[in-house]
Amino acid sequence: MAVNVDWEVIEGVEDLDKVFKKALARAEEADEPEIRQQWSESKAQFWERRAQAQALQVAKRDALDKFPLAKDFADDIRGNTPQEIEAQAKRFHERMEKLTADAAAAKQKAEEAETQAKQQAQQQYGQPASAGGGTPARPSLEDNDALKERVLTRLQKGQGLQDSQGKMDSIRYQNLRFAEGVEASIRNPSYRSFSRNSPDDKKVQDDRTRRKGT
């Protein structure tokens, strides 16, 4: 009579004893020698499994010391032999090593792109004054109408303004439109808004009244 041992729930030798004591209590007298023989073999197997588990724990610790980038995945590293555990730790380590290298390369690429954009901006608008004084280079700006036409053309074509040149054009275009709005409000006060009873407010009312009378 074979006794089924679920090793997943056996944590100590006393758990194993409970399984075989129950089996003996239910067994026929003729089956007792076989059950006791299996009990003895299962105890030897228990200590062997425990020694193997401890050896695998040591192997995992050594593997993580050898491949430290795999430590965040320690719970996922398993194997039936020290060789299998070390191979898994190595794969996790190499994967994290590649991700780290890719992140560093992406950071360097972003820094280089930022430096290039600054250099282009300096070429577009001129170098700032040095700490020792002196007159900064005069910005070589193009005609405002040409700037407007280029920005509007790109927007109409759906090209956007996300590249370095487009971003610089966008900033210049917004500043230009703001300056034109200020100039328009000065030249045509009928569209200005001020607090009530101020001279400017009366001017707006006079202009609107005059238009109504015409």
N, C-alpha and C. Protein backbone atom coordinates (compact mmCIF):
# COMPACT_ATOMS: atom_id res chain seq x y z
N MET A 1 0.85 -1.20 0.00
CA MET A 1 0.00 0.00 0.00
C MET A 1 0.89 1.25 0.00
N ALA A 2 0.80 2.03 -1.06
CA ALA A 2 1.63 3.23 -1.18
C ALA A 2 0.92 4.41 -0.54
N VAL A 3 1.69 5.20 0.18
CA VAL A 3 1.16 6.40 0.83
C VAL A 3 1.53 7.60 -0.02
N ASN A 4 0.53 8.41 -0.34
CA ASN A 4 0.76 9.61 -1.15
C ASN A 4 1.26 10.75 -0.26
N VAL A 5 2.45 11.28 -0.57
CA VAL A 5 3.04 12.38 0.21
C VAL A 5 3.04 13.63 -0.66
N ASP A 6 2.35 14.67 -0.18
CA ASP A 6 2.33 15.96 -0.88
C ASP A 6 3.47 16.81 -0.32
N TRP A 7 4.57 16.82 -1.04
CA TRP A 7 5.75 17.52 -0.54
C TRP A 7 5.56 19.03 -0.50
N GLU A 8 4.56 19.56 -1.18
CA GLU A 8 4.32 21.00 -1.17
C GLU A 8 3.87 21.50 0.20
N VAL A 9 3.24 20.60 1.00
CA VAL A 9 2.72 21.01 2.31
C VAL A 9 3.58 20.48 3.45
N ILE A 10 4.62 19.75 3.13
CA ILE A 10 5.50 19.20 4.16
C ILE A 10 6.58 20.23 4.49
N GLU A 11 6.48 20.83 5.65
CA GLU A 11 7.46 21.82 6.07
C GLU A 11 8.47 21.27 7.07
N GLY A 12 8.11 20.25 7.82
CA GLY A 12 9.00 19.65 8.80
C GLY A 12 8.78 18.15 8.86
N VAL A 13 9.71 17.47 9.51
CA VAL A 13 9.61 16.01 9.59
C VAL A 13 8.37 15.58 10.37
N GLU A 14 7.92 16.44 11.28
CA GLU A 14 6.70 16.10 12.04
C GLU A 14 5.48 16.06 11.13
N ASP A 15 5.46 16.90 10.09
CA ASP A 15 4.35 16.85 9.13
C ASP A 15 4.35 15.51 8.39
N LEU A 16 5.54 15.02 8.10
CA LEU A 16 5.65 13.72 7.43
C LEU A 16 5.18 12.60 8.35
N ASP A 17 5.51 12.69 9.63
CA ASP A 17 5.08 11.67 10.59
C ASP A 17 3.56 11.60 10.67
N LYS A 18 2.90 12.76 10.63
CA LYS A 18 1.43 12.77 10.70
C LYS A 18 0.81 12.01 9.53
N VAL A 19 1.40 12.18 8.35
CA VAL A 19 0.87 11.52 7.16
C VAL A 19 0.93 10.00 7.32
N PHE A 20 2.04 9.46 7.78
CA PHE A 20 2.20 8.02 7.88
C PHE A 20 1.47 7.44 9.09
N LYS A 21 1.35 8.22 10.16
CA LYS A 21 0.57 7.73 11.30
C LYS A 21 -0.89 7.56 10.92
N LYS A 22 -1.43 8.51 10.14
CA LYS A 22 -2.80 8.38 9.67
C LYS A 22 -2.94 7.18 8.74
N ALA A 23 -1.92 6.97 7.89
CA ALA A 23 -1.96 5.83 6.97
C ALA A 23 -1.93 4.51 7.73
N LEU A 24 -1.14 4.43 8.80
CA LEU A 24 -1.08 3.21 9.61
C LEU A 24 -2.40 2.96 10.32
N ALA A 25 -3.05 4.04 10.76
CA ALA A 25 -4.32 3.88 11.47
C ALA A 25 -5.40 3.32 10.56
N ARG A 26 -5.33 3.57 9.27
CA ARG A 26 -6.35 3.10 8.34
C ARG A 26 -5.96 1.79 7.65
N ALA A 27 -4.69 1.41 7.76
CA ALA A 27 -4.18 0.28 6.98
C ALA A 27 -4.51 -1.07 7.63
N GLU A 28 -4.50 -2.10 6.82
CA GLU A 28 -4.62 -3.46 7.31
C GLU A 28 -3.29 -3.87 7.95
N GLU A 29 -3.34 -4.85 8.81
CA GLU A 29 -2.14 -5.28 9.51
C GLU A 29 -1.07 -5.78 8.55
N ALA A 30 -1.50 -6.36 7.46
CA ALA A 30 -0.55 -6.90 6.49
C ALA A 30 0.18 -5.80 5.73
N ASP A 31 -0.40 -4.61 5.70
CA ASP A 31 0.22 -3.52 4.96
C ASP A 31 1.17 -2.68 5.81
N GLU A 32 1.18 -2.92 7.12
CA GLU A 32 1.98 -2.07 8.00
C GLU A 32 3.47 -2.12 7.68
N PRO A 33 4.09 -3.27 7.42
CA PRO A 33 5.53 -3.29 7.11
C PRO A 33 5.88 -2.43 5.89
N GLU A 34 5.04 -2.50 4.88
CA GLU A 34 5.31 -1.70 3.67
C GLU A 34 5.20 -0.21 3.96
N ILE A 35 4.20 0.16 4.76
CA ILE A 35 4.02 1.58 5.09
C ILE A 35 5.19 2.09 5.92
N ARG A 36 5.65 1.28 6.88
CA ARG A 36 6.77 1.71 7.71
C ARG A 36 8.06 1.83 6.89
N GLN A 37 8.22 0.96 5.91
CA GLN A 37 9.38 1.04 5.03
C GLN A 37 9.34 2.33 4.21
N GLN A 38 8.16 2.66 3.69
CA GLN A 38 8.02 3.91 2.93
C GLN A 38 8.21 5.11 3.83
N TRP A 39 7.76 5.01 5.08
CA TRP A 39 7.93 6.09 6.05
C TRP A 39 9.42 6.39 6.25
N SER A 40 10.20 5.35 6.43
CA SER A 40 11.64 5.49 6.63
C SER A 40 12.31 6.09 5.39
N GLU A 41 11.92 5.64 4.21
CA GLU A 41 12.48 6.18 2.96
C GLU A 41 12.07 7.63 2.75
N SER A 42 10.84 7.97 3.15
CA SER A 42 10.36 9.35 2.98
C SER A 42 11.10 10.30 3.90
N LYS A 43 11.47 9.83 5.10
CA LYS A 43 12.27 10.68 5.99
C LYS A 43 13.63 10.98 5.37
N ALA A 44 14.25 9.95 4.80
CA ALA A 44 15.54 10.17 4.15
C ALA A 44 15.38 11.14 2.97
N GLN A 45 14.27 10.99 2.25
CA GLN A 45 14.01 11.89 1.12
C GLN A 45 13.76 13.31 1.60
N PHE A 46 13.10 13.44 2.75
CA PHE A 46 12.84 14.78 3.31
C PHE A 46 14.15 15.51 3.59
N TRP A 47 15.09 14.83 4.26
CA TRP A 47 16.35 15.49 4.59
C TRP A 47 17.18 15.77 3.34
N GLU A 48 17.05 14.91 2.36
CA GLU A 48 17.75 15.16 1.10
C GLU A 48 17.19 16.38 0.39
N ARG A 49 15.85 16.48 0.37
CA ARG A 49 15.20 17.64 -0.26
C ARG A 49 15.56 18.92 0.48
N ARG A 50 15.61 18.85 1.81
CA ARG A 50 15.95 20.05 2.58
C ARG A 50 17.38 20.48 2.29
N ALA A 51 18.31 19.55 2.23
CA ALA A 51 19.70 19.89 1.92
C ALA A 51 19.81 20.49 0.53
N GLN A 52 19.03 19.94 -0.42
CA GLN A 52 19.06 20.47 -1.77
C GLN A 52 18.50 21.89 -1.81
N ALA A 53 17.42 22.14 -1.06
CA ALA A 53 16.83 23.48 -1.01
C ALA A 53 17.81 24.49 -0.43
N GLN A 54 18.52 24.09 0.61
CA GLN A 54 19.51 24.98 1.21
C GLN A 54 20.66 25.25 0.24
N ALA A 55 21.04 24.23 -0.51
CA ALA A 55 22.11 24.42 -1.49
C ALA A 55 21.66 25.38 -2.59
N LEU A 56 20.40 25.29 -2.98
CA LEU A 56 19.89 26.19 -4.01
C LEU A 56 19.79 27.62 -3.49
N GLN A 57 19.48 27.79 -2.21
CA GLN A 57 19.45 29.13 -1.63
C GLN A 57 20.85 29.75 -1.63
N VAL A 58 21.83 28.93 -1.31
CA VAL A 58 23.21 29.42 -1.35
C VAL A 58 23.60 29.76 -2.79
N ALA A 59 23.17 28.92 -3.72
CA ALA A 59 23.47 29.17 -5.13
C ALA A 59 22.83 30.47 -5.61
N LYS A 60 21.60 30.74 -5.15
CA LYS A 60 20.93 31.98 -5.54
C LYS A 60 21.67 33.18 -4.96
N ARG A 61 22.06 33.08 -3.71
CA ARG A 61 22.80 34.20 -3.09
C ARG A 61 24.09 34.48 -3.84
N ASP A 62 24.81 33.40 -4.18
CA ASP A 62 26.07 33.57 -4.91
C ASP A 62 25.82 34.16 -6.31
N ALA A 63 24.73 33.70 -6.95
CA ALA A 63 24.42 34.19 -8.29
C ALA A 63 24.08 35.68 -8.26
N LEU A 64 23.34 36.11 -7.24
CA LEU A 64 22.97 37.52 -7.13
C LEU A 64 24.17 38.39 -6.78
N ASP A 65 25.12 37.83 -6.05
CA ASP A 65 26.36 38.56 -5.79
C ASP A 65 27.17 38.72 -7.08
N LYS A 66 27.10 37.70 -7.92
CA LYS A 66 27.85 37.73 -9.17
C LYS A 66 27.16 38.60 -10.22
N PHE A 67 25.82 38.62 -10.19
CA PHE A 67 25.03 39.41 -11.15
C PHE A 67 24.08 40.32 -10.36
N PRO A 68 24.60 41.40 -9.78
CA PRO A 68 23.82 42.23 -8.85
C PRO A 68 22.59 42.90 -9.47
N LEU A 69 22.60 43.15 -10.77
CA LEU A 69 21.45 43.81 -11.38
C LEU A 69 20.22 42.93 -11.41
N ALA A 70 20.38 41.65 -11.06
CA ALA A 70 19.23 40.73 -11.03
C ALA A 70 18.56 40.69 -9.66
N LYS A 71 19.06 41.45 -8.69
CA LYS A 71 18.51 41.37 -7.33
C LYS A 71 17.05 41.78 -7.25
N ASP A 72 16.62 42.71 -8.10
CA ASP A 72 15.22 43.13 -8.09
C ASP A 72 14.29 42.02 -8.56
N PHE A 73 14.84 40.97 -9.15
CA PHE A 73 14.03 39.86 -9.67
C PHE A 73 14.33 38.56 -8.92
N ALA A 74 14.79 38.70 -7.68
CA ALA A 74 15.20 37.52 -6.91
C ALA A 74 14.06 36.51 -6.76
N ASP A 75 12.84 37.00 -6.58
CA ASP A 75 11.70 36.08 -6.40
C ASP A 75 11.39 35.30 -7.67
N ASP A 76 11.81 35.81 -8.81
CA ASP A 76 11.52 35.14 -10.08
C ASP A 76 12.64 34.20 -10.52
N ILE A 77 13.72 34.18 -9.78
CA ILE A 77 14.85 33.32 -10.15
C ILE A 77 14.68 31.96 -9.47
N ARG A 78 14.47 30.93 -10.28
CA ARG A 78 14.27 29.58 -9.76
C ARG A 78 15.07 28.59 -10.59
N GLY A 79 15.23 27.40 -10.05
CA GLY A 79 15.94 26.35 -10.77
C GLY A 79 16.11 25.14 -9.90
N ASN A 80 16.31 24.01 -10.53
CA ASN A 80 16.51 22.76 -9.80
C ASN A 80 17.97 22.47 -9.52
N THR A 81 18.85 23.27 -10.14
CA THR A 81 20.29 23.10 -9.93
C THR A 81 20.93 24.47 -9.80
N PRO A 82 22.11 24.54 -9.17
CA PRO A 82 22.80 25.83 -9.09
C PRO A 82 23.10 26.42 -10.46
N GLN A 83 23.34 25.56 -11.45
CA GLN A 83 23.62 26.04 -12.80
C GLN A 83 22.41 26.74 -13.40
N GLU A 84 21.23 26.17 -13.20
CA GLU A 84 20.01 26.79 -13.72
C GLU A 84 19.75 28.15 -13.05
N ILE A 85 19.98 28.22 -11.76
CA ILE A 85 19.76 29.47 -11.03
C ILE A 85 20.75 30.55 -11.51
N GLU A 86 22.00 30.18 -11.68
CA GLU A 86 23.00 31.16 -12.14
C GLU A 86 22.66 31.64 -13.56
N ALA A 87 22.20 30.73 -14.41
CA ALA A 87 21.85 31.11 -15.78
C ALA A 87 20.69 32.10 -15.79
N GLN A 88 19.69 31.88 -14.93
CA GLN A 88 18.57 32.82 -14.86
C GLN A 88 19.02 34.18 -14.34
N ALA A 89 19.84 34.19 -13.30
CA ALA A 89 20.35 35.45 -12.75
C ALA A 89 21.14 36.21 -13.80
N LYS A 90 21.91 35.50 -14.59
CA LYS A 90 22.70 36.14 -15.64
C LYS A 90 21.81 36.79 -16.68
N ARG A 91 20.72 36.11 -17.07
CA ARG A 91 19.80 36.68 -18.07
C ARG A 91 19.15 37.95 -17.55
N PHE A 92 18.69 37.94 -16.29
CA PHE A 92 18.09 39.15 -15.72
C PHE A 92 19.12 40.28 -15.64
N HIS A 93 20.33 39.95 -15.24
CA HIS A 93 21.39 40.95 -15.12
C HIS A 93 21.68 41.59 -16.48
N GLU A 94 21.83 40.76 -17.50
CA GLU A 94 22.13 41.29 -18.83
C GLU A 94 20.99 42.13 -19.38
N ARG A 95 19.76 41.73 -19.08
CA ARG A 95 18.60 42.52 -19.52
C ARG A 95 18.61 43.90 -18.87
N MET A 96 18.84 43.95 -17.55
CA MET A 96 18.88 45.24 -16.86
C MET A 96 20.09 46.06 -17.32
N GLU A 97 21.19 45.40 -17.62
CA GLU A 97 22.39 46.10 -18.10
C GLU A 97 22.10 46.79 -19.42
N LYS A 98 21.37 46.11 -20.30
CA LYS A 98 21.01 46.69 -21.59
C LYS A 98 20.05 47.87 -21.41
N LEU A 99 19.05 47.70 -20.52
CA LEU A 99 18.11 48.79 -20.28
C LEU A 99 18.83 50.01 -19.72
N THR A 100 19.77 49.79 -18.82
CA THR A 100 20.53 50.90 -18.23
C THR A 100 21.36 51.61 -19.30
N ALA A 101 22.00 50.81 -20.17
CA ALA A 101 22.80 51.40 -21.24
C ALA A 101 21.92 52.18 -22.22
N ASP A 102 20.75 51.64 -22.54
CA ASP A 102 19.83 52.33 -23.46
C ASP A 102 19.35 53.65 -22.85
N ALA A 103 19.06 53.63 -21.54
CA ALA A 103 18.61 54.85 -20.88
C ALA A 103 19.72 55.91 -20.87
N ALA A 104 20.95 55.48 -20.63
CA ALA A 104 22.08 56.43 -20.64
C ALA A 104 22.29 57.00 -22.04
N ALA A 105 22.15 56.15 -23.06
CA ALA A 105 22.32 56.63 -24.44
C ALA A 105 21.22 57.61 -24.81
N ALA A 106 19.98 57.32 -24.37
CA ALA A 106 18.87 58.23 -24.66
C ALA A 106 19.07 59.58 -23.97
N LYS A 107 19.58 59.54 -22.74
CA LYS A 107 19.84 60.78 -22.02
C LYS A 107 20.91 61.61 -22.72
N GLN A 108 21.98 60.93 -23.15
CA GLN A 108 23.06 61.63 -23.85
C GLN A 108 22.56 62.22 -25.17
N LYS A 109 21.72 61.47 -25.87
CA LYS A 109 21.17 61.96 -27.13
C LYS A 109 20.31 63.19 -26.91
N ALA A 110 19.51 63.19 -25.82
CA ALA A 110 18.66 64.34 -25.52
C ALA A 110 19.51 65.56 -25.17
N GLU A 111 20.60 65.33 -24.41
CA GLU A 111 21.49 66.44 -24.06
C GLU A 111 22.16 67.02 -25.30
N GLU A 112 22.57 66.14 -26.21
CA GLU A 112 23.19 66.61 -27.44
C GLU A 112 22.20 67.39 -28.30
N ALA A 113 20.94 66.93 -28.34
CA ALA A 113 19.92 67.64 -29.10
C ALA A 113 19.65 69.02 -28.50
N GLU A 114 19.66 69.09 -27.16
CA GLU A 114 19.44 70.38 -26.49
C GLU A 114 20.60 71.33 -26.78
N THR A 115 21.82 70.80 -26.74
CA THR A 115 22.98 71.63 -27.04
C THR A 115 22.93 72.14 -28.47
N GLN A 116 22.53 71.26 -29.38
CA GLN A 116 22.44 71.66 -30.79
C GLN A 116 21.38 72.73 -30.99
N ALA A 117 20.24 72.58 -30.28
CA ALA A 117 19.18 73.59 -30.40
C ALA A 117 19.64 74.94 -29.88
N LYS A 118 20.42 74.93 -28.78
CA LYS A 118 20.94 76.18 -28.24
C LYS A 118 21.91 76.83 -29.22
N GLN A 119 22.73 76.01 -29.84
CA GLN A 119 23.69 76.56 -30.81
C GLN A 119 22.97 77.16 -32.00
N GLN A 120 21.89 76.49 -32.45
CA GLN A 120 21.12 77.04 -33.56
C GLN A 120 20.44 78.34 -33.17
N ALA A 121 19.96 78.41 -31.93
CA ALA A 121 19.33 79.63 -31.46
C ALA A 121 20.34 80.78 -31.39
N GLN A 122 21.55 80.47 -30.97
CA GLN A 122 22.59 81.49 -30.91
C GLN A 122 22.97 81.98 -32.30
N GLN A 123 22.99 81.05 -33.25
CA GLN A 123 23.28 81.44 -34.63
C GLN A 123 22.15 82.28 -35.21
N GLN A 124 20.92 81.96 -34.78
CA GLN A 124 19.75 82.67 -35.31
C GLN A 124 19.64 84.07 -34.72
N TYR A 125 19.85 84.17 -33.39
CA TYR A 125 19.60 85.44 -32.71
C TYR A 125 20.87 86.16 -32.28
N GLY A 126 22.01 85.52 -32.47
CA GLY A 126 23.26 86.17 -32.10
C GLY A 126 23.76 85.71 -30.75
N GLN A 127 25.05 85.81 -30.52
CA GLN A 127 25.67 85.41 -29.27
C GLN A 127 25.36 86.43 -28.17
N PRO A 128 25.13 85.96 -26.92
CA PRO A 128 24.94 86.90 -25.81
C PRO A 128 26.24 87.62 -25.48
N ALA A 129 26.11 88.74 -24.78
CA ALA A 129 27.30 89.51 -24.40
C ALA A 129 28.15 88.70 -23.43
N SER A 130 29.47 88.76 -23.58
CA SER A 130 30.35 88.01 -22.71
C SER A 130 30.44 88.71 -21.36
N ALA A 131 31.01 87.98 -20.38
CA ALA A 131 31.10 88.55 -19.03
C ALA A 131 32.00 89.77 -19.00
N GLY A 132 32.96 89.87 -19.94
CA GLY A 132 33.88 90.99 -19.93
C GLY A 132 33.33 92.24 -20.56
N GLY A 133 32.08 92.17 -21.02
CA GLY A 133 31.49 93.36 -21.64
C GLY A 133 31.55 93.26 -23.14
N GLY A 134 31.31 94.35 -23.81
CA GLY A 134 31.31 94.33 -25.27
C GLY A 134 29.89 94.35 -25.80
N THR A 135 29.77 94.59 -27.07
CA THR A 135 28.45 94.68 -27.69
C THR A 135 28.08 93.34 -28.30
N PRO A 136 26.93 92.79 -27.94
CA PRO A 136 26.54 91.49 -28.49
C PRO A 136 26.30 91.61 -29.99
N ALA A 137 26.45 90.48 -30.67
CA ALA A 137 26.24 90.47 -32.12
C ALA A 137 24.80 90.82 -32.43
N ARG A 138 24.61 91.55 -33.48
CA ARG A 138 23.27 91.98 -33.87
C ARG A 138 22.51 90.80 -34.46
N PRO A 139 21.30 90.49 -33.95
CA PRO A 139 20.57 89.34 -34.47
C PRO A 139 20.26 89.49 -35.95
N SER A 140 20.47 88.39 -36.65
CA SER A 140 20.20 88.41 -38.09
C SER A 140 18.78 87.91 -38.32
N LEU A 141 17.82 88.76 -38.08
CA LEU A 141 16.41 88.38 -38.20
C LEU A 141 15.93 88.62 -39.61
N GLU A 142 15.06 87.75 -40.08
CA GLU A 142 14.51 87.91 -41.41
C GLU A 142 13.28 88.82 -41.35
N ASP A 143 12.73 89.10 -42.48
CA ASP A 143 11.56 89.95 -42.57
C ASP A 143 10.38 89.30 -41.84
N ASN A 144 9.60 90.13 -41.12
CA ASN A 144 8.48 89.59 -40.35
C ASN A 144 7.43 88.92 -41.23
N ASP A 145 7.20 89.47 -42.41
CA ASP A 145 6.22 88.89 -43.31
C ASP A 145 6.66 87.50 -43.76
N ALA A 146 7.94 87.33 -43.99
CA ALA A 146 8.46 86.02 -44.39
C ALA A 146 8.30 85.02 -43.25
N LEU A 147 8.52 85.48 -42.02
CA LEU A 147 8.35 84.62 -40.86
C LEU A 147 6.90 84.15 -40.74
N LYS A 148 5.97 85.10 -40.87
CA LYS A 148 4.55 84.75 -40.78
C LYS A 148 4.17 83.74 -41.86
N GLU A 149 4.64 83.99 -43.07
CA GLU A 149 4.29 83.12 -44.19
C GLU A 149 4.82 81.70 -43.95
N ARG A 150 6.04 81.59 -43.43
CA ARG A 150 6.61 80.27 -43.20
C ARG A 150 5.85 79.52 -42.11
N VAL A 151 5.51 80.21 -41.03
CA VAL A 151 4.77 79.57 -39.94
C VAL A 151 3.40 79.11 -40.40
N LEU A 152 2.68 79.98 -41.08
CA LEU A 152 1.33 79.64 -41.53
C LEU A 152 1.36 78.52 -42.57
N THR A 153 2.36 78.55 -43.44
CA THR A 153 2.48 77.50 -44.44
C THR A 153 2.70 76.14 -43.79
N ARG A 154 3.56 76.09 -42.80
CA ARG A 154 3.82 74.83 -42.12
C ARG A 154 2.59 74.33 -41.39
N LEU A 155 1.85 75.23 -40.76
CA LEU A 155 0.64 74.83 -40.05
C LEU A 155 -0.43 74.33 -41.03
N GLN A 156 -0.55 75.00 -42.16
CA GLN A 156 -1.53 74.57 -43.16
C GLN A 156 -1.19 73.20 -43.73
N LYS A 157 0.08 72.91 -43.86
CA LYS A 157 0.50 71.61 -44.38
C LYS A 157 0.47 70.52 -43.30
N GLY A 158 0.15 70.90 -42.06
CA GLY A 158 0.12 69.93 -40.97
C GLY A 158 1.48 69.46 -40.51
N GLN A 159 2.52 70.26 -40.78
CA GLN A 159 3.87 69.86 -40.42
C GLN A 159 4.20 70.15 -38.96
N GLY A 160 3.46 71.06 -38.34
CA GLY A 160 3.72 71.38 -36.95
C GLY A 160 4.98 72.21 -36.77
N LEU A 161 5.25 72.55 -35.51
CA LEU A 161 6.41 73.40 -35.20
C LEU A 161 7.20 72.77 -34.06
N GLN A 162 7.39 71.44 -34.14
CA GLN A 162 8.01 70.74 -33.04
C GLN A 162 9.52 70.56 -33.19
N ASP A 163 10.08 70.79 -34.39
CA ASP A 163 11.52 70.67 -34.52
C ASP A 163 12.18 71.95 -34.00
N SER A 164 13.51 71.95 -33.97
CA SER A 164 14.22 73.09 -33.38
C SER A 164 13.92 74.39 -34.11
N GLN A 165 13.91 74.38 -35.45
CA GLN A 165 13.61 75.59 -36.21
C GLN A 165 12.17 76.02 -35.98
N GLY A 166 11.25 75.03 -35.96
CA GLY A 166 9.85 75.36 -35.74
C GLY A 166 9.59 75.98 -34.38
N LYS A 167 10.27 75.48 -33.36
CA LYS A 167 10.09 76.04 -32.01
C LYS A 167 10.57 77.48 -31.95
N MET A 168 11.70 77.77 -32.60
CA MET A 168 12.21 79.14 -32.61
C MET A 168 11.26 80.06 -33.39
N ASP A 169 10.75 79.54 -34.52
CA ASP A 169 9.79 80.34 -35.30
C ASP A 169 8.53 80.61 -34.50
N SER A 170 8.08 79.60 -33.74
CA SER A 170 6.86 79.75 -32.96
C SER A 170 7.01 80.85 -31.92
N ILE A 171 8.16 80.87 -31.23
CA ILE A 171 8.40 81.89 -30.21
C ILE A 171 8.44 83.28 -30.85
N ARG A 172 9.16 83.41 -31.96
CA ARG A 172 9.24 84.72 -32.65
C ARG A 172 7.87 85.15 -33.16
N TYR A 173 7.10 84.19 -33.68
CA TYR A 173 5.78 84.51 -34.22
C TYR A 173 4.86 85.02 -33.11
N GLN A 174 4.87 84.35 -31.96
CA GLN A 174 4.01 84.77 -30.84
C GLN A 174 4.42 86.16 -30.35
N ASN A 175 5.72 86.40 -30.24
CA ASN A 175 6.18 87.72 -29.80
C ASN A 175 5.77 88.80 -30.81
N LEU A 176 5.88 88.46 -32.09
CA LEU A 176 5.51 89.41 -33.13
C LEU A 176 4.03 89.74 -33.07
N ARG A 177 3.19 88.71 -32.91
CA ARG A 177 1.75 88.94 -32.85
C ARG A 177 1.38 89.75 -31.61
N PHE A 178 2.06 89.51 -30.51
CA PHE A 178 1.79 90.27 -29.30
C PHE A 178 2.15 91.74 -29.52
N ALA A 179 3.31 91.99 -30.13
CA ALA A 179 3.73 93.37 -30.39
C ALA A 179 2.76 94.07 -31.33
N GLU A 180 2.26 93.36 -32.35
CA GLU A 180 1.29 93.95 -33.27
C GLU A 180 -0.01 94.28 -32.56
N GLY A 181 -0.41 93.40 -31.60
CA GLY A 181 -1.63 93.68 -30.84
C GLY A 181 -1.50 94.91 -29.98
N VAL A 182 -0.34 95.07 -29.36
CA VAL A 182 -0.11 96.26 -28.53
C VAL A 182 -0.15 97.52 -29.40
N GLU A 183 0.52 97.45 -30.55
CA GLU A 183 0.56 98.61 -31.44
C GLU A 183 -0.84 98.95 -31.95
N ALA A 184 -1.65 97.93 -32.25
CA ALA A 184 -3.00 98.19 -32.74
C ALA A 184 -3.86 98.85 -31.68
N SER A 185 -3.69 98.44 -30.42
CA SER A 185 -4.50 99.03 -29.36
C SER A 185 -4.13 100.50 -29.13
N ILE A 186 -2.86 100.83 -29.40
CA ILE A 186 -2.44 102.22 -29.23
C ILE A 186 -2.98 103.09 -30.35
N ARG A 187 -2.92 102.58 -31.58
CA ARG A 187 -3.35 103.36 -32.73
C ARG A 187 -4.87 103.45 -32.85
N ASN A 188 -5.59 102.51 -32.32
CA ASN A 188 -7.04 102.51 -32.44
C ASN A 188 -7.65 102.33 -31.06
N PRO A 189 -7.76 103.38 -30.29
CA PRO A 189 -8.23 103.27 -28.89
C PRO A 189 -9.69 102.86 -28.77
N SER A 190 -10.46 102.86 -29.83
CA SER A 190 -11.87 102.47 -29.74
C SER A 190 -12.01 101.03 -29.27
N TYR A 191 -10.98 100.25 -29.42
CA TYR A 191 -11.06 98.84 -29.04
C TYR A 191 -10.39 98.57 -27.71
N ARG A 192 -9.99 99.63 -27.02
CA ARG A 192 -9.33 99.46 -25.73
C ARG A 192 -10.38 99.42 -24.63
N SER A 193 -10.06 98.70 -23.57
CA SER A 193 -10.98 98.59 -22.46
C SER A 193 -10.31 99.09 -21.20
N PHE A 194 -10.96 100.09 -20.53
CA PHE A 194 -10.39 100.65 -19.30
C PHE A 194 -11.48 100.72 -18.24
N SER A 195 -11.11 101.17 -17.07
CA SER A 195 -12.08 101.27 -15.99
C SER A 195 -13.10 102.37 -16.29
N ARG A 196 -14.25 102.25 -15.68
CA ARG A 196 -15.33 103.20 -15.92
C ARG A 196 -14.95 104.61 -15.47
N ASN A 197 -15.49 105.59 -16.21
CA ASN A 197 -15.33 107.02 -15.89
C ASN A 197 -13.91 107.53 -16.08
N SER A 198 -13.04 106.72 -16.65
CA SER A 198 -11.70 107.23 -16.93
C SER A 198 -11.74 107.98 -18.25
N PRO A 199 -10.78 108.88 -18.51
CA PRO A 199 -10.75 109.60 -19.80
C PRO A 199 -10.73 108.65 -20.99
N ASP A 200 -10.04 107.53 -20.87
CA ASP A 200 -10.00 106.59 -21.98
C ASP A 200 -11.35 105.95 -22.19
N ASP A 201 -12.08 105.68 -21.10
CA ASP A 201 -13.39 105.09 -21.24
C ASP A 201 -14.35 106.04 -21.94
N LYS A 202 -14.25 107.32 -21.64
CA LYS A 202 -15.08 108.32 -22.30
C LYS A 202 -14.74 108.40 -23.78
N LYS A 203 -13.43 108.22 -24.08
CA LYS A 203 -13.03 108.27 -25.47
C LYS A 203 -13.68 107.13 -26.24
N VAL A 204 -13.73 105.91 -25.62
CA VAL A 204 -14.36 104.78 -26.27
C VAL A 204 -15.84 105.04 -26.48
N GLN A 205 -16.51 105.60 -25.44
CA GLN A 205 -17.93 105.89 -25.56
C GLN A 205 -18.19 106.92 -26.66
N ASP A 206 -17.33 107.94 -26.74
CA ASP A 206 -17.50 108.97 -27.76
C ASP A 206 -17.36 108.38 -29.16
N ASP A 207 -16.38 107.50 -29.32
CA ASP A 207 -16.19 106.90 -30.64
C ASP A 207 -17.37 106.02 -31.03
N ARG A 208 -17.88 105.26 -30.10
CA ARG A 208 -19.01 104.39 -30.41
C ARG A 208 -20.28 105.21 -30.67
N THR A 209 -20.44 106.30 -29.86
CA THR A 209 -21.62 107.16 -30.09
C THR A 209 -21.55 107.81 -31.44
N ARG A 210 -20.33 108.24 -31.82
CA ARG A 210 -20.18 108.87 -33.13
C ARG A 210 -20.52 107.91 -34.25
N ARG A 211 -20.11 106.62 -34.10
CA ARG A 211 -20.42 105.64 -35.15
C ARG A 211 -21.90 105.38 -35.24
N LYS A 212 -22.60 105.38 -34.09
CA LYS A 212 -24.05 105.15 -34.11
C LYS A 212 -24.77 106.31 -34.81
N GLY A 213 -24.23 107.53 -34.64
CA GLY A 213 -24.89 108.69 -35.22
C GLY A 213 -24.70 108.80 -36.72
N THR A 214 -23.69 108.08 -37.26
CA THR A 214 -23.44 108.18 -38.69
C THR A 214 -24.33 107.24 -39.47
